[in-house]
Amino acid sequence: MRTVLPLCLSLLAVPVGAHPHIFVNTGLVFVVDDQSRLTHVQVTWEYDELYSLLVTEDLGVDSDYDGVLTAADIDLLTGFDMNWVEGFNGDLVGTVAGQAVQLSQPMNATADFRDGKITTTHIRSIVGSPSLVEGAVFKPYDATFYTAYDVTLPVQVQGSDACATDMMVPDVEGALALLRAEIAALPEAYDMETLGYGNIGVQFATEIEIACAAS
């Protein structure tokens, strides 16, 4: 996640321990038109309790710690995670027919706070001509693995009853063990990007594929 929050937690480099510091339960809704072309993706992020606490304290919301936000608090919270730095991909990578999908900046941001967790949503439109959704593959992940995205919230296709999603969940513990062993073997001074670790988060990404029944 890339924001301008003073916390700046997610702008730090991947630690030597190679483990995430922010945990986000994730949901996706793929919106298609009447020709089964992908037009928008709605993203839901539910943050872990610790990060939610840090954010609410930093923004000065829920100051009485009763877990109930006022309308003013919600307004202040809405969009806190939408101030993306230039070039940030929104921690969402997609392809259709093997071609990269270009997504717009986030729109229609919402925010909620329940059970000690912040939940936000935003919508991103497909830039350029929409493509058939069949065979589209999306991966929500942070390239640095500072933030871990766990796809535990609903994943749906909206606009077509003929299309459904299938998920491939990675072996996170196995990938972590391998990565830690690799990092432990590196020299004391090293550059993650040069050694090919600039996109380590993809090893821990859930892959979501969209398939549609023949008409």
N, C-alpha and C. Protein backbone atom coordinates (compact mmCIF):
# COMPACT_ATOMS: atom_id res chain seq x y z
N MET A 1 0.82 -1.16 0.00
CA MET A 1 0.00 0.00 0.00
C MET A 1 0.87 1.23 0.00
N ARG A 2 0.59 2.21 -0.84
CA ARG A 2 1.41 3.40 -0.89
C ARG A 2 0.54 4.60 -0.56
N THR A 3 0.75 5.21 0.59
CA THR A 3 -0.04 6.37 1.00
C THR A 3 0.89 7.45 1.48
N VAL A 4 0.31 8.62 1.75
CA VAL A 4 1.12 9.72 2.28
C VAL A 4 0.94 9.85 3.79
N LEU A 5 0.44 8.82 4.42
CA LEU A 5 0.32 8.85 5.88
C LEU A 5 1.69 9.08 6.52
N PRO A 6 1.76 9.88 7.58
CA PRO A 6 3.04 10.08 8.25
C PRO A 6 3.65 8.78 8.74
N LEU A 7 2.82 7.75 8.91
CA LEU A 7 3.37 6.48 9.36
C LEU A 7 4.38 5.93 8.37
N CYS A 8 4.05 6.08 7.08
CA CYS A 8 4.94 5.65 5.99
C CYS A 8 5.44 4.21 6.20
N LEU A 9 4.66 3.37 6.83
CA LEU A 9 5.13 2.03 7.14
C LEU A 9 5.46 1.24 5.89
N SER A 10 4.61 1.35 4.90
CA SER A 10 4.79 0.48 3.74
C SER A 10 5.82 1.00 2.76
N LEU A 11 6.43 2.13 3.02
CA LEU A 11 7.46 2.63 2.13
C LEU A 11 8.84 2.13 2.53
N LEU A 12 8.92 1.38 3.62
CA LEU A 12 10.20 0.86 4.07
C LEU A 12 10.64 -0.30 3.19
N ALA A 13 11.93 -0.56 3.18
CA ALA A 13 12.45 -1.68 2.40
C ALA A 13 12.08 -2.99 3.06
N VAL A 14 12.11 -4.05 2.29
CA VAL A 14 11.82 -5.38 2.85
C VAL A 14 12.89 -5.71 3.89
N PRO A 15 12.50 -6.09 5.09
CA PRO A 15 13.47 -6.42 6.12
C PRO A 15 14.19 -7.72 5.83
N VAL A 16 15.33 -7.89 6.46
CA VAL A 16 16.10 -9.11 6.26
C VAL A 16 15.29 -10.34 6.66
N GLY A 17 14.42 -10.19 7.66
CA GLY A 17 13.60 -11.31 8.10
C GLY A 17 12.62 -11.78 7.06
N ALA A 18 12.37 -10.95 6.03
CA ALA A 18 11.49 -11.31 4.91
C ALA A 18 10.11 -11.78 5.39
N HIS A 19 9.39 -10.90 6.00
CA HIS A 19 8.01 -11.21 6.38
C HIS A 19 7.20 -9.92 6.32
N PRO A 20 5.89 -10.03 6.07
CA PRO A 20 5.07 -8.82 5.96
C PRO A 20 4.82 -8.15 7.30
N HIS A 21 4.51 -6.86 7.25
CA HIS A 21 4.21 -6.09 8.45
C HIS A 21 2.78 -5.58 8.48
N ILE A 22 2.12 -5.59 7.33
CA ILE A 22 0.71 -5.20 7.25
C ILE A 22 -0.04 -6.35 6.60
N PHE A 23 -1.17 -6.72 7.19
CA PHE A 23 -1.95 -7.86 6.69
C PHE A 23 -3.33 -7.37 6.26
N VAL A 24 -3.70 -7.69 5.05
CA VAL A 24 -4.93 -7.18 4.47
C VAL A 24 -5.77 -8.32 3.91
N ASN A 25 -6.96 -8.51 4.46
CA ASN A 25 -7.93 -9.42 3.86
C ASN A 25 -8.51 -8.72 2.63
N THR A 26 -8.57 -9.45 1.52
CA THR A 26 -8.87 -8.82 0.24
C THR A 26 -10.05 -9.47 -0.44
N GLY A 27 -10.86 -8.64 -1.11
CA GLY A 27 -11.96 -9.12 -1.93
C GLY A 27 -11.98 -8.36 -3.24
N LEU A 28 -12.48 -9.00 -4.29
CA LEU A 28 -12.53 -8.38 -5.62
C LEU A 28 -13.87 -8.66 -6.29
N VAL A 29 -14.37 -7.65 -6.98
CA VAL A 29 -15.55 -7.82 -7.82
C VAL A 29 -15.17 -7.38 -9.22
N PHE A 30 -15.27 -8.30 -10.18
CA PHE A 30 -14.96 -8.00 -11.57
C PHE A 30 -16.26 -7.65 -12.28
N VAL A 31 -16.34 -6.44 -12.79
CA VAL A 31 -17.57 -5.95 -13.42
C VAL A 31 -17.44 -6.08 -14.93
N VAL A 32 -18.41 -6.77 -15.55
CA VAL A 32 -18.39 -6.96 -16.99
C VAL A 32 -19.65 -6.37 -17.61
N ASP A 33 -19.56 -6.04 -18.90
CA ASP A 33 -20.72 -5.49 -19.59
C ASP A 33 -21.54 -6.60 -20.24
N ASP A 34 -22.53 -6.21 -21.04
CA ASP A 34 -23.43 -7.23 -21.62
C ASP A 34 -22.77 -8.03 -22.73
N GLN A 35 -21.53 -7.68 -23.07
CA GLN A 35 -20.77 -8.46 -24.04
C GLN A 35 -19.64 -9.25 -23.38
N SER A 36 -19.75 -9.40 -22.06
CA SER A 36 -18.76 -10.13 -21.25
C SER A 36 -17.36 -9.53 -21.37
N ARG A 37 -17.30 -8.21 -21.43
CA ARG A 37 -16.02 -7.50 -21.45
C ARG A 37 -15.78 -6.87 -20.09
N LEU A 38 -14.59 -6.99 -19.60
CA LEU A 38 -14.24 -6.45 -18.29
C LEU A 38 -14.17 -4.93 -18.37
N THR A 39 -14.91 -4.26 -17.49
CA THR A 39 -14.94 -2.79 -17.50
C THR A 39 -14.38 -2.17 -16.23
N HIS A 40 -14.59 -2.82 -15.07
CA HIS A 40 -14.14 -2.28 -13.79
C HIS A 40 -13.75 -3.41 -12.84
N VAL A 41 -12.95 -3.05 -11.86
CA VAL A 41 -12.63 -3.96 -10.75
C VAL A 41 -12.86 -3.19 -9.46
N GLN A 42 -13.70 -3.77 -8.59
CA GLN A 42 -13.90 -3.18 -7.26
C GLN A 42 -13.03 -3.95 -6.26
N VAL A 43 -12.28 -3.22 -5.46
CA VAL A 43 -11.33 -3.82 -4.53
C VAL A 43 -11.76 -3.52 -3.10
N THR A 44 -11.75 -4.54 -2.27
CA THR A 44 -12.01 -4.37 -0.83
C THR A 44 -10.76 -4.76 -0.05
N TRP A 45 -10.35 -3.88 0.87
CA TRP A 45 -9.22 -4.15 1.75
C TRP A 45 -9.68 -4.07 3.20
N GLU A 46 -9.49 -5.13 3.95
CA GLU A 46 -9.77 -5.14 5.39
C GLU A 46 -8.43 -5.26 6.11
N TYR A 47 -8.04 -4.21 6.81
CA TYR A 47 -6.73 -4.16 7.45
C TYR A 47 -6.73 -4.88 8.80
N ASP A 48 -5.55 -5.39 9.16
CA ASP A 48 -5.42 -6.06 10.45
C ASP A 48 -5.60 -5.06 11.59
N GLU A 49 -5.85 -5.58 12.81
CA GLU A 49 -6.16 -4.73 13.95
C GLU A 49 -5.03 -3.76 14.32
N LEU A 50 -3.78 -4.22 14.25
CA LEU A 50 -2.67 -3.36 14.64
C LEU A 50 -2.53 -2.19 13.68
N TYR A 51 -2.53 -2.48 12.39
CA TYR A 51 -2.39 -1.38 11.43
C TYR A 51 -3.60 -0.44 11.52
N SER A 52 -4.80 -1.01 11.72
CA SER A 52 -6.00 -0.19 11.88
C SER A 52 -5.86 0.75 13.07
N LEU A 53 -5.31 0.23 14.16
CA LEU A 53 -5.10 1.06 15.35
C LEU A 53 -4.13 2.19 15.06
N LEU A 54 -3.03 1.88 14.37
CA LEU A 54 -2.04 2.90 14.04
C LEU A 54 -2.64 3.98 13.17
N VAL A 55 -3.47 3.59 12.22
CA VAL A 55 -4.08 4.56 11.31
C VAL A 55 -5.08 5.45 12.05
N THR A 56 -5.95 4.84 12.85
CA THR A 56 -6.95 5.64 13.57
C THR A 56 -6.29 6.60 14.55
N GLU A 57 -5.22 6.16 15.20
CA GLU A 57 -4.50 7.05 16.11
C GLU A 57 -3.83 8.18 15.35
N ASP A 58 -3.24 7.85 14.21
CA ASP A 58 -2.54 8.86 13.43
C ASP A 58 -3.51 9.91 12.89
N LEU A 59 -4.72 9.47 12.50
CA LEU A 59 -5.70 10.39 11.95
C LEU A 59 -6.54 11.06 13.03
N GLY A 60 -6.45 10.56 14.25
CA GLY A 60 -7.22 11.15 15.34
C GLY A 60 -8.68 10.78 15.34
N VAL A 61 -9.01 9.60 14.78
CA VAL A 61 -10.39 9.12 14.81
C VAL A 61 -10.54 8.06 15.90
N ASP A 62 -11.80 7.87 16.35
CA ASP A 62 -12.09 6.94 17.46
C ASP A 62 -11.23 7.28 18.68
N SER A 63 -11.19 8.56 19.02
CA SER A 63 -10.33 9.02 20.11
C SER A 63 -10.75 8.47 21.47
N ASP A 64 -12.01 8.04 21.60
CA ASP A 64 -12.47 7.47 22.87
C ASP A 64 -12.34 5.94 22.90
N TYR A 65 -11.83 5.37 21.80
CA TYR A 65 -11.58 3.93 21.70
C TYR A 65 -12.81 3.07 21.96
N ASP A 66 -13.99 3.58 21.60
CA ASP A 66 -15.19 2.76 21.77
C ASP A 66 -15.54 1.96 20.53
N GLY A 67 -14.73 2.13 19.48
CA GLY A 67 -14.96 1.38 18.26
C GLY A 67 -16.06 1.91 17.38
N VAL A 68 -16.64 3.04 17.77
CA VAL A 68 -17.73 3.63 17.00
C VAL A 68 -17.26 4.97 16.44
N LEU A 69 -17.31 5.11 15.13
CA LEU A 69 -16.86 6.34 14.50
C LEU A 69 -18.04 7.25 14.19
N THR A 70 -17.81 8.54 14.34
CA THR A 70 -18.81 9.53 13.95
C THR A 70 -18.77 9.71 12.44
N ALA A 71 -19.76 10.44 11.93
CA ALA A 71 -19.77 10.72 10.50
C ALA A 71 -18.53 11.51 10.10
N ALA A 72 -18.10 12.41 10.99
CA ALA A 72 -16.88 13.19 10.71
C ALA A 72 -15.65 12.28 10.68
N ASP A 73 -15.63 11.29 11.58
CA ASP A 73 -14.52 10.33 11.59
C ASP A 73 -14.46 9.54 10.28
N ILE A 74 -15.63 9.09 9.82
CA ILE A 74 -15.68 8.32 8.58
C ILE A 74 -15.20 9.16 7.40
N ASP A 75 -15.62 10.43 7.38
CA ASP A 75 -15.17 11.32 6.31
C ASP A 75 -13.65 11.46 6.32
N LEU A 76 -13.09 11.55 7.51
CA LEU A 76 -11.64 11.70 7.64
C LEU A 76 -10.92 10.42 7.22
N LEU A 77 -11.53 9.29 7.52
CA LEU A 77 -10.91 8.00 7.21
C LEU A 77 -11.03 7.64 5.73
N THR A 78 -12.11 8.08 5.10
CA THR A 78 -12.35 7.72 3.71
C THR A 78 -11.26 8.28 2.80
N GLY A 79 -10.64 7.39 2.07
CA GLY A 79 -9.60 7.79 1.14
C GLY A 79 -8.21 7.90 1.73
N PHE A 80 -8.04 7.51 3.00
CA PHE A 80 -6.72 7.63 3.62
C PHE A 80 -5.68 6.79 2.87
N ASP A 81 -6.11 5.70 2.25
CA ASP A 81 -5.19 4.80 1.55
C ASP A 81 -5.24 4.97 0.03
N MET A 82 -5.79 6.09 -0.41
CA MET A 82 -5.92 6.33 -1.85
C MET A 82 -4.93 7.36 -2.37
N ASN A 83 -4.08 7.90 -1.51
CA ASN A 83 -3.10 8.91 -1.92
C ASN A 83 -1.84 8.20 -2.42
N TRP A 84 -1.94 7.64 -3.60
CA TRP A 84 -0.88 6.78 -4.12
C TRP A 84 0.25 7.60 -4.73
N VAL A 85 1.47 7.13 -4.53
CA VAL A 85 2.62 7.79 -5.15
C VAL A 85 2.62 7.46 -6.65
N GLU A 86 3.28 8.28 -7.42
CA GLU A 86 3.31 8.10 -8.87
C GLU A 86 3.92 6.73 -9.23
N GLY A 87 3.23 6.04 -10.11
CA GLY A 87 3.71 4.75 -10.57
C GLY A 87 3.22 3.56 -9.76
N PHE A 88 2.55 3.81 -8.64
CA PHE A 88 2.05 2.71 -7.81
C PHE A 88 0.92 1.99 -8.54
N ASN A 89 0.98 0.68 -8.60
CA ASN A 89 -0.02 -0.10 -9.36
C ASN A 89 -1.22 -0.53 -8.53
N GLY A 90 -1.32 -0.02 -7.30
CA GLY A 90 -2.46 -0.39 -6.47
C GLY A 90 -2.38 -1.79 -5.93
N ASP A 91 -1.18 -2.39 -5.97
CA ASP A 91 -0.98 -3.76 -5.51
C ASP A 91 -1.96 -4.73 -6.16
N LEU A 92 -2.21 -4.48 -7.45
CA LEU A 92 -3.09 -5.37 -8.21
C LEU A 92 -2.56 -5.45 -9.64
N VAL A 93 -2.24 -6.67 -10.06
CA VAL A 93 -1.69 -6.90 -11.40
C VAL A 93 -2.63 -7.84 -12.15
N GLY A 94 -2.99 -7.46 -13.37
CA GLY A 94 -3.90 -8.29 -14.15
C GLY A 94 -3.48 -8.44 -15.59
N THR A 95 -3.89 -9.55 -16.19
CA THR A 95 -3.67 -9.78 -17.62
C THR A 95 -4.94 -10.34 -18.22
N VAL A 96 -5.15 -10.02 -19.48
CA VAL A 96 -6.23 -10.62 -20.27
C VAL A 96 -5.62 -11.10 -21.57
N ALA A 97 -5.79 -12.38 -21.86
CA ALA A 97 -5.18 -12.99 -23.04
C ALA A 97 -3.68 -12.74 -23.07
N GLY A 98 -3.07 -12.77 -21.91
CA GLY A 98 -1.63 -12.61 -21.80
C GLY A 98 -1.14 -11.17 -21.86
N GLN A 99 -2.04 -10.23 -22.10
CA GLN A 99 -1.66 -8.83 -22.18
C GLN A 99 -1.96 -8.12 -20.86
N ALA A 100 -1.04 -7.25 -20.43
CA ALA A 100 -1.22 -6.54 -19.17
C ALA A 100 -2.46 -5.65 -19.22
N VAL A 101 -3.20 -5.65 -18.13
CA VAL A 101 -4.38 -4.80 -18.00
C VAL A 101 -3.96 -3.49 -17.34
N GLN A 102 -4.30 -2.39 -17.97
CA GLN A 102 -4.01 -1.08 -17.37
C GLN A 102 -5.25 -0.60 -16.64
N LEU A 103 -5.08 -0.28 -15.37
CA LEU A 103 -6.19 0.15 -14.53
C LEU A 103 -6.07 1.63 -14.19
N SER A 104 -7.21 2.26 -14.01
CA SER A 104 -7.25 3.68 -13.66
C SER A 104 -6.84 3.90 -12.22
N GLN A 105 -6.71 5.15 -11.86
CA GLN A 105 -6.54 5.51 -10.47
C GLN A 105 -7.82 5.15 -9.70
N PRO A 106 -7.75 5.01 -8.38
CA PRO A 106 -8.94 4.59 -7.62
C PRO A 106 -10.03 5.66 -7.61
N MET A 107 -11.27 5.17 -7.61
CA MET A 107 -12.45 6.04 -7.59
C MET A 107 -13.43 5.53 -6.54
N ASN A 108 -14.37 6.40 -6.17
CA ASN A 108 -15.50 6.02 -5.30
C ASN A 108 -15.04 5.33 -4.02
N ALA A 109 -14.08 5.90 -3.34
CA ALA A 109 -13.54 5.30 -2.12
C ALA A 109 -14.58 5.30 -1.00
N THR A 110 -14.59 4.23 -0.21
CA THR A 110 -15.41 4.15 1.00
C THR A 110 -14.54 3.67 2.14
N ALA A 111 -15.02 3.88 3.36
CA ALA A 111 -14.29 3.39 4.54
C ALA A 111 -15.28 3.02 5.63
N ASP A 112 -14.92 2.01 6.40
CA ASP A 112 -15.74 1.57 7.53
C ASP A 112 -14.79 1.10 8.63
N PHE A 113 -15.31 1.00 9.85
CA PHE A 113 -14.50 0.57 10.99
C PHE A 113 -15.36 -0.27 11.91
N ARG A 114 -15.05 -1.56 11.96
CA ARG A 114 -15.82 -2.47 12.81
C ARG A 114 -14.88 -3.49 13.42
N ASP A 115 -15.18 -3.87 14.66
CA ASP A 115 -14.40 -4.90 15.36
C ASP A 115 -12.91 -4.61 15.32
N GLY A 116 -12.57 -3.32 15.40
CA GLY A 116 -11.17 -2.93 15.45
C GLY A 116 -10.45 -2.97 14.12
N LYS A 117 -11.18 -3.16 13.02
CA LYS A 117 -10.56 -3.24 11.71
C LYS A 117 -11.12 -2.18 10.77
N ILE A 118 -10.23 -1.56 10.02
CA ILE A 118 -10.64 -0.64 8.96
C ILE A 118 -10.89 -1.44 7.69
N THR A 119 -12.01 -1.18 7.04
CA THR A 119 -12.29 -1.78 5.74
C THR A 119 -12.53 -0.66 4.74
N THR A 120 -11.84 -0.71 3.61
CA THR A 120 -12.03 0.30 2.58
C THR A 120 -12.34 -0.38 1.26
N THR A 121 -13.00 0.35 0.38
CA THR A 121 -13.24 -0.13 -0.98
C THR A 121 -12.89 0.99 -1.96
N HIS A 122 -12.57 0.58 -3.17
CA HIS A 122 -12.41 1.54 -4.26
C HIS A 122 -12.65 0.81 -5.57
N ILE A 123 -12.88 1.57 -6.61
CA ILE A 123 -13.16 1.02 -7.94
C ILE A 123 -12.11 1.53 -8.91
N ARG A 124 -11.67 0.64 -9.80
CA ARG A 124 -10.73 1.02 -10.85
C ARG A 124 -11.30 0.58 -12.19
N SER A 125 -11.29 1.47 -13.15
CA SER A 125 -11.81 1.14 -14.47
C SER A 125 -10.70 0.65 -15.38
N ILE A 126 -11.08 -0.09 -16.40
CA ILE A 126 -10.13 -0.56 -17.40
C ILE A 126 -9.79 0.60 -18.32
N VAL A 127 -8.50 0.87 -18.47
CA VAL A 127 -8.05 1.94 -19.36
C VAL A 127 -7.94 1.39 -20.78
N GLY A 128 -8.54 2.10 -21.74
CA GLY A 128 -8.54 1.62 -23.11
C GLY A 128 -9.78 0.79 -23.40
N SER A 129 -9.75 0.09 -24.51
CA SER A 129 -10.91 -0.71 -24.91
C SER A 129 -11.04 -1.94 -24.02
N PRO A 130 -12.25 -2.19 -23.50
CA PRO A 130 -12.44 -3.39 -22.67
C PRO A 130 -12.17 -4.67 -23.47
N SER A 131 -11.65 -5.67 -22.79
CA SER A 131 -11.38 -6.97 -23.42
C SER A 131 -12.33 -8.00 -22.83
N LEU A 132 -12.53 -9.08 -23.57
CA LEU A 132 -13.34 -10.17 -23.06
C LEU A 132 -12.75 -10.65 -21.74
N VAL A 133 -13.61 -10.88 -20.77
CA VAL A 133 -13.14 -11.23 -19.43
C VAL A 133 -12.64 -12.67 -19.36
N GLU A 134 -13.06 -13.50 -20.29
CA GLU A 134 -12.64 -14.91 -20.30
C GLU A 134 -11.11 -15.01 -20.29
N GLY A 135 -10.60 -15.77 -19.33
CA GLY A 135 -9.16 -15.97 -19.24
C GLY A 135 -8.39 -14.87 -18.53
N ALA A 136 -9.09 -13.87 -18.01
CA ALA A 136 -8.41 -12.81 -17.27
C ALA A 136 -7.81 -13.39 -15.99
N VAL A 137 -6.61 -12.95 -15.65
CA VAL A 137 -5.92 -13.41 -14.45
C VAL A 137 -5.48 -12.18 -13.65
N PHE A 138 -5.82 -12.16 -12.37
CA PHE A 138 -5.44 -11.05 -11.51
C PHE A 138 -4.73 -11.57 -10.26
N LYS A 139 -3.74 -10.80 -9.81
CA LYS A 139 -3.00 -11.13 -8.60
C LYS A 139 -2.90 -9.89 -7.72
N PRO A 140 -3.53 -9.92 -6.54
CA PRO A 140 -3.35 -8.81 -5.59
C PRO A 140 -2.13 -9.07 -4.72
N TYR A 141 -1.10 -8.23 -4.86
CA TYR A 141 0.09 -8.43 -4.04
C TYR A 141 0.97 -7.19 -4.03
N ASP A 142 1.78 -7.09 -2.98
CA ASP A 142 2.79 -6.04 -2.86
C ASP A 142 4.12 -6.64 -3.30
N ALA A 143 4.76 -6.02 -4.29
CA ALA A 143 6.00 -6.56 -4.84
C ALA A 143 7.07 -6.73 -3.78
N THR A 144 7.08 -5.86 -2.76
CA THR A 144 8.11 -5.93 -1.72
C THR A 144 7.74 -6.90 -0.60
N PHE A 145 6.49 -7.37 -0.59
CA PHE A 145 5.96 -8.25 0.46
C PHE A 145 5.97 -7.59 1.83
N TYR A 146 5.99 -6.26 1.86
CA TYR A 146 5.82 -5.57 3.14
C TYR A 146 4.37 -5.70 3.59
N THR A 147 3.46 -5.69 2.61
CA THR A 147 2.04 -5.91 2.88
C THR A 147 1.65 -7.26 2.31
N ALA A 148 0.95 -8.05 3.11
CA ALA A 148 0.47 -9.36 2.67
C ALA A 148 -1.03 -9.28 2.39
N TYR A 149 -1.42 -9.68 1.19
CA TYR A 149 -2.83 -9.67 0.80
C TYR A 149 -3.36 -11.10 0.81
N ASP A 150 -4.31 -11.35 1.70
CA ASP A 150 -4.90 -12.68 1.82
C ASP A 150 -6.32 -12.60 1.26
N VAL A 151 -6.58 -13.33 0.19
CA VAL A 151 -7.88 -13.23 -0.49
C VAL A 151 -8.90 -14.10 0.26
N THR A 152 -9.46 -13.53 1.31
CA THR A 152 -10.43 -14.25 2.15
C THR A 152 -11.83 -13.65 2.04
N LEU A 153 -11.96 -12.49 1.43
CA LEU A 153 -13.27 -11.85 1.25
C LEU A 153 -13.84 -12.27 -0.11
N PRO A 154 -15.12 -12.02 -0.34
CA PRO A 154 -15.75 -12.51 -1.57
C PRO A 154 -15.04 -12.05 -2.85
N VAL A 155 -14.95 -12.98 -3.80
CA VAL A 155 -14.44 -12.70 -5.15
C VAL A 155 -15.55 -13.08 -6.11
N GLN A 156 -16.02 -12.11 -6.91
CA GLN A 156 -17.20 -12.34 -7.72
C GLN A 156 -17.05 -11.71 -9.10
N VAL A 157 -17.88 -12.19 -10.02
CA VAL A 157 -18.05 -11.54 -11.32
C VAL A 157 -19.45 -10.94 -11.34
N GLN A 158 -19.52 -9.65 -11.61
CA GLN A 158 -20.81 -8.95 -11.63
C GLN A 158 -21.15 -8.55 -13.06
N GLY A 159 -22.36 -8.90 -13.47
CA GLY A 159 -22.81 -8.52 -14.81
C GLY A 159 -22.98 -9.69 -15.75
N SER A 160 -22.53 -10.88 -15.32
CA SER A 160 -22.67 -12.07 -16.17
C SER A 160 -22.77 -13.31 -15.31
N ASP A 161 -23.87 -14.05 -15.49
CA ASP A 161 -24.04 -15.31 -14.76
C ASP A 161 -23.22 -16.43 -15.38
N ALA A 162 -22.66 -16.19 -16.57
CA ALA A 162 -21.91 -17.24 -17.26
C ALA A 162 -20.46 -17.29 -16.83
N CYS A 163 -20.01 -16.31 -16.05
CA CYS A 163 -18.60 -16.23 -15.67
C CYS A 163 -18.43 -16.48 -14.17
N ALA A 164 -17.34 -17.14 -13.83
CA ALA A 164 -17.03 -17.43 -12.44
C ALA A 164 -15.51 -17.34 -12.25
N THR A 165 -15.09 -17.35 -11.00
CA THR A 165 -13.66 -17.22 -10.72
C THR A 165 -13.11 -18.50 -10.10
N ASP A 166 -11.83 -18.70 -10.31
CA ASP A 166 -11.12 -19.83 -9.71
C ASP A 166 -9.83 -19.28 -9.11
N MET A 167 -9.48 -19.75 -7.92
CA MET A 167 -8.31 -19.21 -7.22
C MET A 167 -7.25 -20.27 -7.00
N MET A 168 -6.01 -19.86 -7.18
CA MET A 168 -4.87 -20.70 -6.85
C MET A 168 -4.14 -20.02 -5.70
N VAL A 169 -4.19 -20.66 -4.53
CA VAL A 169 -3.60 -20.08 -3.32
C VAL A 169 -2.18 -20.63 -3.14
N PRO A 170 -1.20 -19.77 -2.94
CA PRO A 170 0.19 -20.25 -2.83
C PRO A 170 0.48 -20.89 -1.49
N ASP A 171 1.54 -21.65 -1.45
CA ASP A 171 2.05 -22.22 -0.20
C ASP A 171 2.93 -21.15 0.45
N VAL A 172 2.30 -20.27 1.24
CA VAL A 172 3.02 -19.13 1.79
C VAL A 172 4.14 -19.56 2.73
N GLU A 173 3.87 -20.51 3.60
CA GLU A 173 4.89 -20.95 4.56
C GLU A 173 6.09 -21.56 3.84
N GLY A 174 5.82 -22.37 2.82
CA GLY A 174 6.90 -22.97 2.07
C GLY A 174 7.73 -21.93 1.32
N ALA A 175 7.04 -20.97 0.70
CA ALA A 175 7.75 -19.91 -0.03
C ALA A 175 8.56 -19.04 0.92
N LEU A 176 8.00 -18.77 2.11
CA LEU A 176 8.73 -17.98 3.11
C LEU A 176 9.99 -18.69 3.56
N ALA A 177 9.88 -19.98 3.83
CA ALA A 177 11.04 -20.74 4.29
C ALA A 177 12.14 -20.72 3.23
N LEU A 178 11.76 -20.90 1.97
CA LEU A 178 12.74 -20.87 0.89
C LEU A 178 13.38 -19.50 0.75
N LEU A 179 12.56 -18.45 0.83
CA LEU A 179 13.07 -17.09 0.69
C LEU A 179 14.03 -16.74 1.82
N ARG A 180 13.67 -17.11 3.03
CA ARG A 180 14.54 -16.80 4.18
C ARG A 180 15.88 -17.52 4.05
N ALA A 181 15.84 -18.75 3.56
CA ALA A 181 17.09 -19.49 3.38
C ALA A 181 17.96 -18.82 2.32
N GLU A 182 17.32 -18.35 1.25
CA GLU A 182 18.07 -17.66 0.20
C GLU A 182 18.69 -16.37 0.71
N ILE A 183 17.91 -15.60 1.48
CA ILE A 183 18.41 -14.33 1.99
C ILE A 183 19.53 -14.55 3.01
N ALA A 184 19.38 -15.59 3.82
CA ALA A 184 20.41 -15.88 4.83
C ALA A 184 21.75 -16.20 4.18
N ALA A 185 21.71 -16.71 2.96
CA ALA A 185 22.94 -17.09 2.26
C ALA A 185 23.58 -15.92 1.51
N LEU A 186 22.90 -14.78 1.49
CA LEU A 186 23.42 -13.63 0.75
C LEU A 186 24.54 -12.95 1.54
N PRO A 187 25.42 -12.24 0.84
CA PRO A 187 26.46 -11.47 1.55
C PRO A 187 25.82 -10.37 2.39
N GLU A 188 26.60 -9.85 3.34
CA GLU A 188 26.06 -8.86 4.28
C GLU A 188 25.55 -7.62 3.57
N ALA A 189 26.24 -7.17 2.55
CA ALA A 189 25.81 -6.00 1.78
C ALA A 189 25.31 -6.48 0.42
N TYR A 190 24.04 -6.23 0.15
CA TYR A 190 23.48 -6.66 -1.11
C TYR A 190 22.34 -5.73 -1.50
N ASP A 191 22.00 -5.74 -2.77
CA ASP A 191 20.91 -4.93 -3.29
C ASP A 191 19.80 -5.87 -3.75
N MET A 192 18.63 -5.74 -3.14
CA MET A 192 17.52 -6.64 -3.44
C MET A 192 17.15 -6.62 -4.92
N GLU A 193 17.13 -5.42 -5.51
CA GLU A 193 16.71 -5.29 -6.90
C GLU A 193 17.71 -5.97 -7.82
N THR A 194 18.99 -5.72 -7.58
CA THR A 194 20.03 -6.29 -8.44
C THR A 194 20.01 -7.81 -8.41
N LEU A 195 19.72 -8.37 -7.23
CA LEU A 195 19.74 -9.82 -7.09
C LEU A 195 18.42 -10.48 -7.50
N GLY A 196 17.50 -9.67 -8.03
CA GLY A 196 16.26 -10.24 -8.53
C GLY A 196 15.16 -10.39 -7.51
N TYR A 197 15.27 -9.66 -6.37
CA TYR A 197 14.24 -9.77 -5.33
C TYR A 197 13.31 -8.56 -5.32
N GLY A 198 13.33 -7.78 -6.39
CA GLY A 198 12.47 -6.59 -6.43
C GLY A 198 11.00 -6.90 -6.55
N ASN A 199 10.67 -8.16 -6.89
CA ASN A 199 9.27 -8.55 -7.04
C ASN A 199 9.00 -9.83 -6.25
N ILE A 200 9.55 -9.92 -5.07
CA ILE A 200 9.41 -11.16 -4.29
C ILE A 200 7.96 -11.43 -3.89
N GLY A 201 7.15 -10.38 -3.82
CA GLY A 201 5.77 -10.56 -3.38
C GLY A 201 4.96 -11.46 -4.28
N VAL A 202 5.33 -11.58 -5.55
CA VAL A 202 4.57 -12.41 -6.47
C VAL A 202 4.60 -13.88 -6.04
N GLN A 203 5.63 -14.28 -5.31
CA GLN A 203 5.71 -15.66 -4.83
C GLN A 203 4.61 -16.00 -3.82
N PHE A 204 4.03 -14.95 -3.23
CA PHE A 204 3.03 -15.15 -2.18
C PHE A 204 1.64 -14.69 -2.64
N ALA A 205 1.49 -14.46 -3.94
CA ALA A 205 0.25 -13.90 -4.46
C ALA A 205 -0.77 -14.98 -4.81
N THR A 206 -2.01 -14.77 -4.40
CA THR A 206 -3.11 -15.61 -4.85
C THR A 206 -3.44 -15.24 -6.29
N GLU A 207 -3.58 -16.24 -7.14
CA GLU A 207 -3.92 -16.02 -8.54
C GLU A 207 -5.40 -16.28 -8.76
N ILE A 208 -6.08 -15.31 -9.34
CA ILE A 208 -7.52 -15.41 -9.59
C ILE A 208 -7.76 -15.41 -11.09
N GLU A 209 -8.36 -16.47 -11.58
CA GLU A 209 -8.65 -16.57 -13.02
C GLU A 209 -10.15 -16.57 -13.24
N ILE A 210 -10.56 -15.90 -14.32
CA ILE A 210 -11.98 -15.82 -14.64
C ILE A 210 -12.27 -16.71 -15.85
N ALA A 211 -13.25 -17.56 -15.71
CA ALA A 211 -13.67 -18.44 -16.80
C ALA A 211 -15.16 -18.25 -17.07
N CYS A 212 -15.53 -18.33 -18.34
CA CYS A 212 -16.93 -18.13 -18.72
C CYS A 212 -17.43 -19.33 -19.54
N ALA A 213 -18.65 -19.72 -19.27
CA ALA A 213 -19.25 -20.83 -20.02
C ALA A 213 -19.55 -20.39 -21.45
N ALA A 214 -19.42 -21.31 -22.36
CA ALA A 214 -19.70 -21.01 -23.76
C ALA A 214 -21.17 -20.68 -23.93
N SER A 215 -21.45 -19.67 -24.74
CA SER A 215 -22.85 -19.25 -24.94
C SER A 215 -23.50 -20.09 -26.03
